[in-house]
Amino acid sequence: GPGFFWIDELCVSSIDSPAAQGKLTGRVHLAFQAADKKAVDEFYRVGLEAGATDLGKPGDRPYHPGYYAAFLTDPDGNNIEAVYHGPHKRSAPSVHIEF
């Protein structure tokens, strides 16, 4: 395979995977979809205030047009990302599961 598996917004890659861009993404890479660029910026600001470390300031990324993201490393070494994928139509604003 290509050295990684991708499930919606969960990506775990090997060092030689093109997705890793030459370095491991941390123990786990979790990406959370943001509603807009402002939410990505706020995630980054609040995360730094809470003790996370910078792994990539908010900005456009080359993954696809409109990909705007910020990356932080949490205290356990995980790569936590907030991403806005640009203008799009969603089937629902969120998923709600009831038990």
N, C-alpha and C. Protein backbone atom coordinates (compact mmCIF):
# COMPACT_ATOMS: atom_id res chain seq x y z
N GLY A 1 0.80 -1.18 0.00
CA GLY A 1 0.00 0.00 0.00
C GLY A 1 0.85 1.25 0.00
N PRO A 2 0.22 2.41 0.09
CA PRO A 2 0.93 3.68 0.01
C PRO A 2 1.62 4.09 1.32
N GLY A 3 1.57 3.28 2.37
CA GLY A 3 2.23 3.62 3.63
C GLY A 3 1.36 4.34 4.62
N PHE A 4 0.06 4.42 4.35
CA PHE A 4 -0.85 5.07 5.29
C PHE A 4 -2.26 4.54 5.06
N PHE A 5 -3.12 4.75 6.07
CA PHE A 5 -4.54 4.53 5.86
C PHE A 5 -5.25 5.79 6.31
N TRP A 6 -6.36 6.11 5.65
CA TRP A 6 -7.05 7.36 5.90
C TRP A 6 -8.53 7.06 6.07
N ILE A 7 -9.08 7.46 7.21
CA ILE A 7 -10.50 7.27 7.48
C ILE A 7 -11.08 8.64 7.75
N ASP A 8 -11.75 9.21 6.78
CA ASP A 8 -12.32 10.55 6.87
C ASP A 8 -11.26 11.52 7.38
N GLU A 9 -11.27 11.88 8.65
CA GLU A 9 -10.33 12.86 9.17
C GLU A 9 -9.30 12.25 10.12
N LEU A 10 -9.09 10.94 10.07
CA LEU A 10 -8.06 10.28 10.87
C LEU A 10 -6.99 9.78 9.92
N CYS A 11 -5.75 10.23 10.12
CA CYS A 11 -4.65 9.82 9.25
C CYS A 11 -3.50 9.32 10.09
N VAL A 12 -3.04 8.11 9.81
CA VAL A 12 -1.86 7.55 10.45
C VAL A 12 -0.93 7.16 9.31
N SER A 13 0.29 7.71 9.30
CA SER A 13 1.18 7.47 8.17
C SER A 13 2.55 7.00 8.61
N SER A 14 3.24 6.31 7.70
CA SER A 14 4.62 5.93 7.93
C SER A 14 5.52 7.06 7.43
N ILE A 15 6.77 7.08 7.86
CA ILE A 15 7.70 8.16 7.52
C ILE A 15 7.92 8.27 6.01
N ASP A 16 7.84 7.16 5.28
CA ASP A 16 8.10 7.21 3.84
C ASP A 16 6.84 7.46 3.01
N SER A 17 5.73 7.67 3.66
CA SER A 17 4.49 7.97 2.95
C SER A 17 4.51 9.40 2.42
N PRO A 18 4.01 9.63 1.20
CA PRO A 18 3.90 11.01 0.71
C PRO A 18 3.06 11.89 1.64
N ALA A 19 2.09 11.29 2.34
CA ALA A 19 1.24 12.05 3.25
C ALA A 19 2.02 12.62 4.42
N ALA A 20 3.12 11.96 4.82
CA ALA A 20 3.91 12.42 5.96
C ALA A 20 4.85 13.56 5.60
N GLN A 21 5.09 13.78 4.33
CA GLN A 21 5.97 14.85 3.85
C GLN A 21 7.32 14.84 4.54
N GLY A 22 7.88 13.65 4.74
CA GLY A 22 9.23 13.53 5.26
C GLY A 22 9.38 13.47 6.75
N LYS A 23 8.28 13.59 7.51
CA LYS A 23 8.41 13.45 8.96
C LYS A 23 7.12 12.88 9.53
N LEU A 24 7.26 12.14 10.59
CA LEU A 24 6.09 11.54 11.22
C LEU A 24 5.17 12.61 11.75
N THR A 25 3.89 12.32 11.73
CA THR A 25 2.89 13.30 12.15
C THR A 25 2.57 13.22 13.63
N GLY A 26 3.29 12.41 14.39
CA GLY A 26 3.03 12.27 15.81
C GLY A 26 2.47 10.90 16.12
N ARG A 27 2.19 10.66 17.38
CA ARG A 27 1.65 9.36 17.77
C ARG A 27 0.35 9.10 17.01
N VAL A 28 -0.52 10.08 17.00
CA VAL A 28 -1.80 10.01 16.28
C VAL A 28 -2.04 11.38 15.67
N HIS A 29 -2.60 11.42 14.49
CA HIS A 29 -2.97 12.68 13.84
C HIS A 29 -4.49 12.72 13.77
N LEU A 30 -5.09 13.63 14.52
CA LEU A 30 -6.54 13.82 14.51
C LEU A 30 -6.84 15.17 13.88
N ALA A 31 -7.74 15.17 12.91
CA ALA A 31 -8.15 16.41 12.26
C ALA A 31 -9.63 16.65 12.53
N PHE A 32 -9.94 17.86 12.95
CA PHE A 32 -11.32 18.25 13.22
C PHE A 32 -11.74 19.27 12.18
N GLN A 33 -12.88 19.03 11.53
CA GLN A 33 -13.38 19.97 10.54
C GLN A 33 -13.88 21.23 11.23
N ALA A 34 -13.45 22.36 10.71
CA ALA A 34 -13.88 23.66 11.24
C ALA A 34 -14.92 24.27 10.30
N ALA A 35 -15.79 25.07 10.85
CA ALA A 35 -16.85 25.70 10.06
C ALA A 35 -16.32 26.79 9.14
N ASP A 36 -15.19 27.40 9.53
CA ASP A 36 -14.63 28.49 8.73
C ASP A 36 -13.18 28.75 9.17
N LYS A 37 -12.52 29.67 8.49
CA LYS A 37 -11.12 29.98 8.81
C LYS A 37 -10.99 30.57 10.21
N LYS A 38 -11.97 31.35 10.63
CA LYS A 38 -11.93 31.95 11.96
C LYS A 38 -11.88 30.86 13.04
N ALA A 39 -12.60 29.78 12.86
CA ALA A 39 -12.59 28.68 13.83
C ALA A 39 -11.22 28.01 13.88
N VAL A 40 -10.55 27.89 12.73
CA VAL A 40 -9.20 27.33 12.70
C VAL A 40 -8.26 28.24 13.49
N ASP A 41 -8.35 29.54 13.24
CA ASP A 41 -7.50 30.51 13.95
C ASP A 41 -7.73 30.44 15.46
N GLU A 42 -8.98 30.33 15.86
CA GLU A 42 -9.33 30.28 17.28
C GLU A 42 -8.82 28.98 17.93
N PHE A 43 -8.96 27.87 17.23
CA PHE A 43 -8.42 26.60 17.70
C PHE A 43 -6.93 26.74 18.00
N TYR A 44 -6.20 27.33 17.10
CA TYR A 44 -4.76 27.48 17.25
C TYR A 44 -4.42 28.37 18.45
N ARG A 45 -5.10 29.51 18.56
CA ARG A 45 -4.85 30.44 19.66
C ARG A 45 -5.14 29.81 21.02
N VAL A 46 -6.31 29.22 21.14
CA VAL A 46 -6.73 28.62 22.41
C VAL A 46 -5.86 27.40 22.74
N GLY A 47 -5.50 26.62 21.74
CA GLY A 47 -4.65 25.47 21.97
C GLY A 47 -3.29 25.85 22.53
N LEU A 48 -2.68 26.89 21.96
CA LEU A 48 -1.39 27.37 22.48
C LEU A 48 -1.53 27.86 23.91
N GLU A 49 -2.61 28.58 24.20
CA GLU A 49 -2.85 29.07 25.56
C GLU A 49 -3.02 27.92 26.55
N ALA A 50 -3.54 26.79 26.07
CA ALA A 50 -3.78 25.64 26.94
C ALA A 50 -2.55 24.74 27.10
N GLY A 51 -1.46 25.08 26.42
CA GLY A 51 -0.23 24.32 26.60
C GLY A 51 0.22 23.47 25.43
N ALA A 52 -0.52 23.47 24.34
CA ALA A 52 -0.07 22.75 23.15
C ALA A 52 1.11 23.49 22.53
N THR A 53 1.86 22.81 21.68
CA THR A 53 2.96 23.46 20.98
C THR A 53 2.67 23.55 19.49
N ASP A 54 3.23 24.57 18.88
CA ASP A 54 3.01 24.85 17.46
C ASP A 54 3.57 23.73 16.59
N LEU A 55 2.77 23.28 15.63
CA LEU A 55 3.22 22.31 14.64
C LEU A 55 2.92 22.84 13.23
N GLY A 56 2.29 24.02 13.16
CA GLY A 56 1.96 24.64 11.88
C GLY A 56 0.91 25.71 12.07
N LYS A 57 1.33 26.97 11.90
CA LYS A 57 0.42 28.10 12.08
C LYS A 57 -0.75 28.03 11.10
N PRO A 58 -1.87 28.68 11.41
CA PRO A 58 -3.00 28.69 10.50
C PRO A 58 -2.60 29.23 9.12
N GLY A 59 -3.05 28.56 8.09
CA GLY A 59 -2.77 29.01 6.73
C GLY A 59 -3.23 28.01 5.70
N ASP A 60 -3.10 28.43 4.45
CA ASP A 60 -3.46 27.57 3.33
C ASP A 60 -2.43 26.45 3.20
N ARG A 61 -2.90 25.28 2.83
CA ARG A 61 -2.05 24.12 2.64
C ARG A 61 -2.21 23.59 1.22
N PRO A 62 -1.21 22.85 0.71
CA PRO A 62 -1.25 22.40 -0.68
C PRO A 62 -2.06 21.13 -0.94
N TYR A 63 -2.74 20.61 0.06
CA TYR A 63 -3.42 19.32 -0.09
C TYR A 63 -4.53 19.36 -1.14
N HIS A 64 -5.31 20.42 -1.16
CA HIS A 64 -6.29 20.68 -2.22
C HIS A 64 -6.69 22.15 -2.12
N PRO A 65 -7.22 22.74 -3.20
CA PRO A 65 -7.62 24.15 -3.14
C PRO A 65 -8.62 24.39 -2.01
N GLY A 66 -8.40 25.44 -1.23
CA GLY A 66 -9.30 25.79 -0.14
C GLY A 66 -8.95 25.14 1.19
N TYR A 67 -7.91 24.32 1.25
CA TYR A 67 -7.53 23.63 2.48
C TYR A 67 -6.80 24.61 3.39
N TYR A 68 -7.44 25.01 4.47
CA TYR A 68 -6.89 25.97 5.43
C TYR A 68 -6.84 25.27 6.78
N ALA A 69 -5.66 25.17 7.37
CA ALA A 69 -5.52 24.37 8.59
C ALA A 69 -4.47 24.94 9.53
N ALA A 70 -4.53 24.47 10.77
CA ALA A 70 -3.52 24.74 11.78
C ALA A 70 -3.25 23.43 12.50
N PHE A 71 -2.00 23.27 12.95
CA PHE A 71 -1.58 22.02 13.59
C PHE A 71 -0.92 22.32 14.94
N LEU A 72 -1.27 21.53 15.94
CA LEU A 72 -0.69 21.63 17.28
C LEU A 72 -0.25 20.24 17.73
N THR A 73 0.72 20.21 18.62
CA THR A 73 1.11 18.96 19.27
C THR A 73 0.58 19.02 20.70
N ASP A 74 -0.21 18.02 21.09
CA ASP A 74 -0.73 18.00 22.46
C ASP A 74 0.33 17.48 23.42
N PRO A 75 0.09 17.54 24.73
CA PRO A 75 1.10 17.10 25.71
C PRO A 75 1.54 15.64 25.56
N ASP A 76 0.72 14.81 24.91
CA ASP A 76 1.08 13.41 24.71
C ASP A 76 1.81 13.17 23.39
N GLY A 77 2.07 14.23 22.64
CA GLY A 77 2.79 14.10 21.38
C GLY A 77 1.93 13.84 20.17
N ASN A 78 0.62 13.99 20.30
CA ASN A 78 -0.28 13.79 19.17
C ASN A 78 -0.38 15.05 18.32
N ASN A 79 -0.56 14.87 17.03
CA ASN A 79 -0.75 15.96 16.08
C ASN A 79 -2.25 16.23 16.00
N ILE A 80 -2.66 17.41 16.46
CA ILE A 80 -4.07 17.77 16.45
C ILE A 80 -4.25 18.90 15.44
N GLU A 81 -5.16 18.71 14.51
CA GLU A 81 -5.36 19.65 13.41
C GLU A 81 -6.80 20.15 13.41
N ALA A 82 -6.96 21.43 13.08
CA ALA A 82 -8.27 21.97 12.74
C ALA A 82 -8.19 22.36 11.28
N VAL A 83 -9.17 21.95 10.48
CA VAL A 83 -9.13 22.20 9.04
C VAL A 83 -10.47 22.70 8.53
N TYR A 84 -10.38 23.73 7.69
CA TYR A 84 -11.53 24.22 6.94
C TYR A 84 -11.25 23.86 5.49
N HIS A 85 -12.15 23.11 4.87
CA HIS A 85 -11.93 22.61 3.52
C HIS A 85 -12.40 23.57 2.43
N GLY A 86 -12.76 24.78 2.81
CA GLY A 86 -13.24 25.75 1.83
C GLY A 86 -14.74 25.66 1.67
N PRO A 87 -15.27 26.53 0.83
CA PRO A 87 -16.73 26.54 0.63
C PRO A 87 -17.21 25.18 0.11
N HIS A 88 -18.25 24.68 0.73
CA HIS A 88 -18.80 23.40 0.34
C HIS A 88 -20.20 23.25 0.91
N LYS A 89 -20.92 22.30 0.41
CA LYS A 89 -22.25 21.99 0.94
C LYS A 89 -22.15 20.71 1.74
N ARG A 90 -22.60 20.76 2.98
CA ARG A 90 -22.59 19.57 3.83
C ARG A 90 -24.00 19.02 3.92
N SER A 91 -24.09 17.72 4.13
CA SER A 91 -25.41 17.09 4.26
C SER A 91 -26.05 17.42 5.59
N ALA A 92 -25.22 17.75 6.60
CA ALA A 92 -25.71 18.12 7.94
C ALA A 92 -24.60 18.89 8.64
N PRO A 93 -24.93 19.78 9.57
CA PRO A 93 -23.89 20.54 10.26
C PRO A 93 -23.04 19.69 11.20
N SER A 94 -23.59 18.56 11.66
CA SER A 94 -22.86 17.67 12.54
C SER A 94 -23.56 16.32 12.58
N VAL A 95 -22.92 15.40 13.26
CA VAL A 95 -23.52 14.08 13.46
C VAL A 95 -23.94 14.00 14.93
N HIS A 96 -25.17 13.58 15.15
CA HIS A 96 -25.69 13.44 16.51
C HIS A 96 -26.12 11.99 16.70
N ILE A 97 -25.53 11.34 17.66
CA ILE A 97 -25.83 9.93 17.93
C ILE A 97 -26.55 9.83 19.27
N GLU A 98 -27.70 9.19 19.28
CA GLU A 98 -28.44 8.99 20.52
C GLU A 98 -28.47 7.51 20.86
N PHE A 99 -28.38 7.23 22.14
CA PHE A 99 -28.46 5.85 22.61
C PHE A 99 -29.70 5.65 23.41
